[in-house]
Amino acid sequence: GGEFSFDVSSADCSTTLELAVSFLGDATDSSGMGSAITVNGDTHVEENGVYFDGSGDDVSISSFDYYGNGMFTIGFWFTKEQCTGNVYEYLFSHHHVDDSHTWDRSYVDIYLACEEAGGGQSTAGGSIVRYWLRDEAGAEASMDFSLHDTGAFDAITNIWVQAVLTVSP
């Protein structure tokens, strides 16, 4: 559940809000940009946020150019009640293309790697948030952020966690 937003900085570094979706009771773009939001699978939008309770649950937002000048921020709040057993669980994903070349083109992926599933084989302890990006030139960047000490999953993930990624050329 929580709030989801994109901020895009223009060339003069002024910030323009491009998308704002609170997911608190509904799933509409409140920024005025008119982005289409689709709730998929058995996803539930309730008063306290959006809930995913199984495979195939996600929220899709129509593509828009938040990355054009290479400067952007992606931020959202989340909680995690239990892990699925998968090594990585997507928190955010945007790929330039949706075909067989998806990993050869630019993308931004933000994952949760739960400790009980190996923590994404990270050198950081406990459960981690992994940020993984690729630009059109093929340069990749990845970093892991540890959410908690080993063995303390519920101490952090049962309250709201804010994830923020800021990118500049």
C-alpha atoms as a PDB file:
ATOM      1  CA  GLY A   1       0.000   0.000   0.000  1.00  0.00           C
ATOM      2  CA  GLY A   2       1.012   3.613   0.049  1.00  0.00           C
ATOM      3  CA  GLU A   3       1.789   6.575  -2.073  1.00  0.00           C
ATOM      4  CA  PHE A   4       3.601   6.473  -5.403  1.00  0.00           C
ATOM      5  CA  SER A   5       5.081   9.430  -7.253  1.00  0.00           C
ATOM      6  CA  PHE A   6       7.534  10.436  -9.943  1.00  0.00           C
ATOM      7  CA  ASP A   7       9.378  13.742  -9.958  1.00  0.00           C
ATOM      8  CA  VAL A   8      11.109  14.914 -13.112  1.00  0.00           C
ATOM      9  CA  SER A   9      13.651  17.712 -13.088  1.00  0.00           C
ATOM     10  CA  SER A  10      13.845  19.889 -16.167  1.00  0.00           C
ATOM     11  CA  ALA A  11      17.082  21.283 -17.634  1.00  0.00           C
ATOM     12  CA  ASP A  12      16.888  24.332 -15.347  1.00  0.00           C
ATOM     13  CA  CYS A  13      16.477  21.968 -12.352  1.00  0.00           C
ATOM     14  CA  SER A  14      12.962  23.124 -11.502  1.00  0.00           C
ATOM     15  CA  THR A  15      10.842  20.153 -10.481  1.00  0.00           C
ATOM     16  CA  THR A  16       7.588  19.204 -12.181  1.00  0.00           C
ATOM     17  CA  LEU A  17       5.322  16.576 -10.680  1.00  0.00           C
ATOM     18  CA  GLU A  18       4.453  14.208 -13.503  1.00  0.00           C
ATOM     19  CA  LEU A  19       2.481  11.548 -11.680  1.00  0.00           C
ATOM     20  CA  ALA A  20       0.941  11.276  -8.239  1.00  0.00           C
ATOM     21  CA  VAL A  21      -1.129   8.293  -7.161  1.00  0.00           C
ATOM     22  CA  SER A  22      -2.012   7.915  -3.504  1.00  0.00           C
ATOM     23  CA  PHE A  23      -3.653   4.440  -3.738  1.00  0.00           C
ATOM     24  CA  LEU A  24      -5.494   5.453  -0.570  1.00  0.00           C
ATOM     25  CA  GLY A  25      -9.029   4.505  -1.548  1.00  0.00           C
ATOM     26  CA  ASP A  26      -8.596   4.827  -5.320  1.00  0.00           C
ATOM     27  CA  ALA A  27      -6.053   4.466  -8.109  1.00  0.00           C
ATOM     28  CA  THR A  28      -6.201   7.678 -10.117  1.00  0.00           C
ATOM     29  CA  ASP A  29      -3.478  10.055 -11.238  1.00  0.00           C
ATOM     30  CA  SER A  30      -4.014  13.161  -9.104  1.00  0.00           C
ATOM     31  CA  SER A  31      -1.284  15.198 -10.844  1.00  0.00           C
ATOM     32  CA  GLY A  32      -3.549  16.310 -13.682  1.00  0.00           C
ATOM     33  CA  MET A  33      -1.374  14.501 -16.262  1.00  0.00           C
ATOM     34  CA  GLY A  34      -4.134  11.957 -16.950  1.00  0.00           C
ATOM     35  CA  SER A  35      -1.966   8.815 -16.823  1.00  0.00           C
ATOM     36  CA  ALA A  36      -4.010   5.619 -17.186  1.00  0.00           C
ATOM     37  CA  ILE A  37      -3.746   3.347 -14.146  1.00  0.00           C
ATOM     38  CA  THR A  38      -4.748  -0.312 -14.368  1.00  0.00           C
ATOM     39  CA  VAL A  39      -5.138  -2.564 -11.345  1.00  0.00           C
ATOM     40  CA  ASN A  40      -4.350  -6.158 -12.405  1.00  0.00           C
ATOM     41  CA  GLY A  41      -4.914  -9.620 -10.968  1.00  0.00           C
ATOM     42  CA  ASP A  42      -6.392  -9.828  -7.499  1.00  0.00           C
ATOM     43  CA  THR A  43      -4.932  -6.473  -6.418  1.00  0.00           C
ATOM     44  CA  HIS A  44      -7.105  -4.558  -3.942  1.00  0.00           C
ATOM     45  CA  VAL A  45      -7.174  -0.766  -3.542  1.00  0.00           C
ATOM     46  CA  GLU A  46      -8.464   0.047  -0.084  1.00  0.00           C
ATOM     47  CA  GLU A  47      -8.539   2.968   2.320  1.00  0.00           C
ATOM     48  CA  ASN A  48      -5.028   2.189   3.624  1.00  0.00           C
ATOM     49  CA  GLY A  49      -3.371   1.489   0.283  1.00  0.00           C
ATOM     50  CA  VAL A  50      -3.015  -1.048  -2.500  1.00  0.00           C
ATOM     51  CA  TYR A  51      -2.619  -4.726  -1.572  1.00  0.00           C
ATOM     52  CA  PHE A  52      -1.022  -7.526  -3.583  1.00  0.00           C
ATOM     53  CA  ASP A  53      -1.855 -11.006  -2.340  1.00  0.00           C
ATOM     54  CA  GLY A  54      -0.701 -13.340  -5.067  1.00  0.00           C
ATOM     55  CA  SER A  55       1.048 -14.014  -8.326  1.00  0.00           C
ATOM     56  CA  GLY A  56      -0.057 -11.769 -11.182  1.00  0.00           C
ATOM     57  CA  ASP A  57      -1.048  -8.888  -8.909  1.00  0.00           C
ATOM     58  CA  ASP A  58       0.296  -5.523  -9.988  1.00  0.00           C
ATOM     59  CA  VAL A  59      -0.577  -1.982 -10.935  1.00  0.00           C
ATOM     60  CA  SER A  60       0.311  -0.716 -14.415  1.00  0.00           C
ATOM     61  CA  ILE A  61       0.698   2.957 -15.251  1.00  0.00           C
ATOM     62  CA  SER A  62       0.652   4.122 -18.855  1.00  0.00           C
ATOM     63  CA  SER A  63       4.125   5.036 -20.054  1.00  0.00           C
ATOM     64  CA  PHE A  64       5.157   8.665 -20.034  1.00  0.00           C
ATOM     65  CA  ASP A  65       8.516  10.407 -20.447  1.00  0.00           C
ATOM     66  CA  TYR A  66       9.807  10.883 -16.914  1.00  0.00           C
ATOM     67  CA  TYR A  67      13.380  10.015 -17.939  1.00  0.00           C
ATOM     68  CA  GLY A  68      13.936  12.106 -21.096  1.00  0.00           C
ATOM     69  CA  ASN A  69      16.625  14.444 -19.756  1.00  0.00           C
ATOM     70  CA  GLY A  70      18.253  11.760 -17.598  1.00  0.00           C
ATOM     71  CA  MET A  71      17.175  13.342 -14.295  1.00  0.00           C
ATOM     72  CA  PHE A  72      14.353  11.793 -12.306  1.00  0.00           C
ATOM     73  CA  THR A  73      13.248  10.624  -8.887  1.00  0.00           C
ATOM     74  CA  ILE A  74      11.069   7.611  -8.165  1.00  0.00           C
ATOM     75  CA  GLY A  75       9.665   7.438  -4.659  1.00  0.00           C
ATOM     76  CA  PHE A  76       7.089   5.292  -2.918  1.00  0.00           C
ATOM     77  CA  TRP A  77       6.088   3.892   0.480  1.00  0.00           C
ATOM     78  CA  PHE A  78       5.540   0.189   1.135  1.00  0.00           C
ATOM     79  CA  THR A  79       5.030  -2.393   3.858  1.00  0.00           C
ATOM     80  CA  LYS A  80       5.653  -6.113   3.605  1.00  0.00           C
ATOM     81  CA  GLU A  81       3.696  -8.640   5.631  1.00  0.00           C
ATOM     82  CA  GLN A  82       5.331 -11.805   4.330  1.00  0.00           C
ATOM     83  CA  CYS A  83       7.719 -12.931   1.622  1.00  0.00           C
ATOM     84  CA  THR A  84       6.735 -15.131  -1.292  1.00  0.00           C
ATOM     85  CA  GLY A  85       9.836 -17.310  -1.292  1.00  0.00           C
ATOM     86  CA  ASN A  86      11.066 -15.844  -4.584  1.00  0.00           C
ATOM     87  CA  VAL A  87      14.615 -14.463  -4.544  1.00  0.00           C
ATOM     88  CA  TYR A  88      13.389 -11.055  -5.791  1.00  0.00           C
ATOM     89  CA  GLU A  89       9.989  -9.394  -5.668  1.00  0.00           C
ATOM     90  CA  TYR A  90       9.361  -6.373  -7.887  1.00  0.00           C
ATOM     91  CA  LEU A  91       8.511  -3.120  -6.146  1.00  0.00           C
ATOM     92  CA  PHE A  92       8.860  -1.017  -9.335  1.00  0.00           C
ATOM     93  CA  SER A  93       9.752  -1.846 -12.925  1.00  0.00           C
ATOM     94  CA  HIS A  94       9.923   0.212 -16.104  1.00  0.00           C
ATOM     95  CA  HIS A  95      11.616  -1.107 -19.240  1.00  0.00           C
ATOM     96  CA  HIS A  96      12.061   0.924 -22.436  1.00  0.00           C
ATOM     97  CA  VAL A  97      10.696  -1.952 -24.522  1.00  0.00           C
ATOM     98  CA  ASP A  98       8.455  -4.888 -23.709  1.00  0.00           C
ATOM     99  CA  ASP A  99       9.843  -7.504 -26.070  1.00  0.00           C
ATOM    100  CA  SER A 100      12.773  -9.937 -26.350  1.00  0.00           C
ATOM    101  CA  HIS A 101      15.225  -6.986 -26.142  1.00  0.00           C
ATOM    102  CA  THR A 102      13.902  -5.734 -22.790  1.00  0.00           C
ATOM    103  CA  TRP A 103      17.239  -6.417 -20.992  1.00  0.00           C
ATOM    104  CA  ASP A 104      19.267  -4.823 -23.844  1.00  0.00           C
ATOM    105  CA  ARG A 105      17.594  -1.416 -23.607  1.00  0.00           C
ATOM    106  CA  SER A 106      17.182   1.096 -20.793  1.00  0.00           C
ATOM    107  CA  TYR A 107      15.311   0.107 -17.641  1.00  0.00           C
ATOM    108  CA  VAL A 108      14.763   0.888 -13.978  1.00  0.00           C
ATOM    109  CA  ASP A 109      13.979  -1.982 -11.608  1.00  0.00           C
ATOM    110  CA  ILE A 110      13.563  -1.812  -7.844  1.00  0.00           C
ATOM    111  CA  TYR A 111      13.303  -5.160  -6.068  1.00  0.00           C
ATOM    112  CA  LEU A 112      12.849  -6.484  -2.570  1.00  0.00           C
ATOM    113  CA  ALA A 113      15.066  -9.451  -1.735  1.00  0.00           C
ATOM    114  CA  CYS A 114      13.840 -11.099   1.468  1.00  0.00           C
ATOM    115  CA  GLU A 115      16.353 -12.524   3.889  1.00  0.00           C
ATOM    116  CA  GLU A 116      14.497 -15.859   4.065  1.00  0.00           C
ATOM    117  CA  ALA A 117      14.962 -16.307   0.289  1.00  0.00           C
ATOM    118  CA  GLY A 118      18.666 -15.505   0.399  1.00  0.00           C
ATOM    119  CA  GLY A 119      18.552 -11.689   0.399  1.00  0.00           C
ATOM    120  CA  GLY A 120      19.380 -11.558  -3.310  1.00  0.00           C
ATOM    121  CA  GLN A 121      22.837 -13.009  -2.608  1.00  0.00           C
ATOM    122  CA  SER A 122      23.778  -9.506  -1.471  1.00  0.00           C
ATOM    123  CA  THR A 123      26.799  -8.697   0.648  1.00  0.00           C
ATOM    124  CA  ALA A 124      24.435  -6.476   2.667  1.00  0.00           C
ATOM    125  CA  GLY A 125      22.816  -8.394   5.537  1.00  0.00           C
ATOM    126  CA  GLY A 126      19.127  -9.110   6.095  1.00  0.00           C
ATOM    127  CA  SER A 127      16.476  -8.207   3.529  1.00  0.00           C
ATOM    128  CA  ILE A 128      17.503  -5.637   0.951  1.00  0.00           C
ATOM    129  CA  VAL A 129      16.050  -3.245  -1.603  1.00  0.00           C
ATOM    130  CA  ARG A 130      18.019  -3.579  -4.852  1.00  0.00           C
ATOM    131  CA  TYR A 131      18.091  -0.695  -7.333  1.00  0.00           C
ATOM    132  CA  TRP A 132      19.173  -1.756 -10.838  1.00  0.00           C
ATOM    133  CA  LEU A 133      19.338   0.624 -13.802  1.00  0.00           C
ATOM    134  CA  ARG A 134      20.580   0.615 -17.399  1.00  0.00           C
ATOM    135  CA  ASP A 135      20.763   3.594 -19.749  1.00  0.00           C
ATOM    136  CA  GLU A 136      20.495   3.676 -23.546  1.00  0.00           C
ATOM    137  CA  ALA A 137      24.313   3.619 -23.866  1.00  0.00           C
ATOM    138  CA  GLY A 138      24.372   0.280 -22.027  1.00  0.00           C
ATOM    139  CA  ALA A 139      25.857   1.553 -18.748  1.00  0.00           C
ATOM    140  CA  GLU A 140      24.420  -0.304 -15.763  1.00  0.00           C
ATOM    141  CA  ALA A 141      24.306   0.591 -12.088  1.00  0.00           C
ATOM    142  CA  SER A 142      23.151  -1.506  -9.168  1.00  0.00           C
ATOM    143  CA  MET A 143      23.095  -0.976  -5.427  1.00  0.00           C
ATOM    144  CA  ASP A 144      21.654  -2.771  -2.446  1.00  0.00           C
ATOM    145  CA  PHE A 145      20.164  -1.082   0.592  1.00  0.00           C
ATOM    146  CA  SER A 146      19.822  -3.205   3.707  1.00  0.00           C
ATOM    147  CA  LEU A 147      16.402  -2.828   5.366  1.00  0.00           C
ATOM    148  CA  HIS A 148      17.267  -4.418   8.704  1.00  0.00           C
ATOM    149  CA  ASP A 149      19.738  -6.511  10.625  1.00  0.00           C
ATOM    150  CA  THR A 150      19.685 -10.228   9.950  1.00  0.00           C
ATOM    151  CA  GLY A 151      16.730 -11.849  11.687  1.00  0.00           C
ATOM    152  CA  ALA A 152      14.735  -8.635  12.217  1.00  0.00           C
ATOM    153  CA  PHE A 153      12.385  -8.709   9.188  1.00  0.00           C
ATOM    154  CA  ASP A 154       9.179  -7.772  11.030  1.00  0.00           C
ATOM    155  CA  ALA A 155      10.878  -5.006  13.018  1.00  0.00           C
ATOM    156  CA  ILE A 156      11.071  -2.844   9.871  1.00  0.00           C
ATOM    157  CA  THR A 157       8.755  -4.166   7.158  1.00  0.00           C
ATOM    158  CA  ASN A 158       5.577  -4.174   9.262  1.00  0.00           C
ATOM    159  CA  ILE A 159       5.748  -0.349   9.337  1.00  0.00           C
ATOM    160  CA  TRP A 160       5.936   1.979   6.329  1.00  0.00           C
ATOM    161  CA  VAL A 161       9.256   2.006   4.465  1.00  0.00           C
ATOM    162  CA  GLN A 162      10.025   4.829   2.037  1.00  0.00           C
ATOM    163  CA  ALA A 163      12.085   3.930  -1.034  1.00  0.00           C
ATOM    164  CA  VAL A 164      13.534   6.776  -3.093  1.00  0.00           C
ATOM    165  CA  LEU A 165      15.798   6.635  -6.158  1.00  0.00           C
ATOM    166  CA  THR A 166      17.200   9.864  -7.592  1.00  0.00           C
ATOM    167  CA  VAL A 167      19.100   9.760 -10.885  1.00  0.00           C
ATOM    168  CA  SER A 168      21.084  12.467 -12.656  1.00  0.00           C
ATOM    169  CA  PRO A 169      23.448  12.178 -15.636  1.00  0.00           C
END
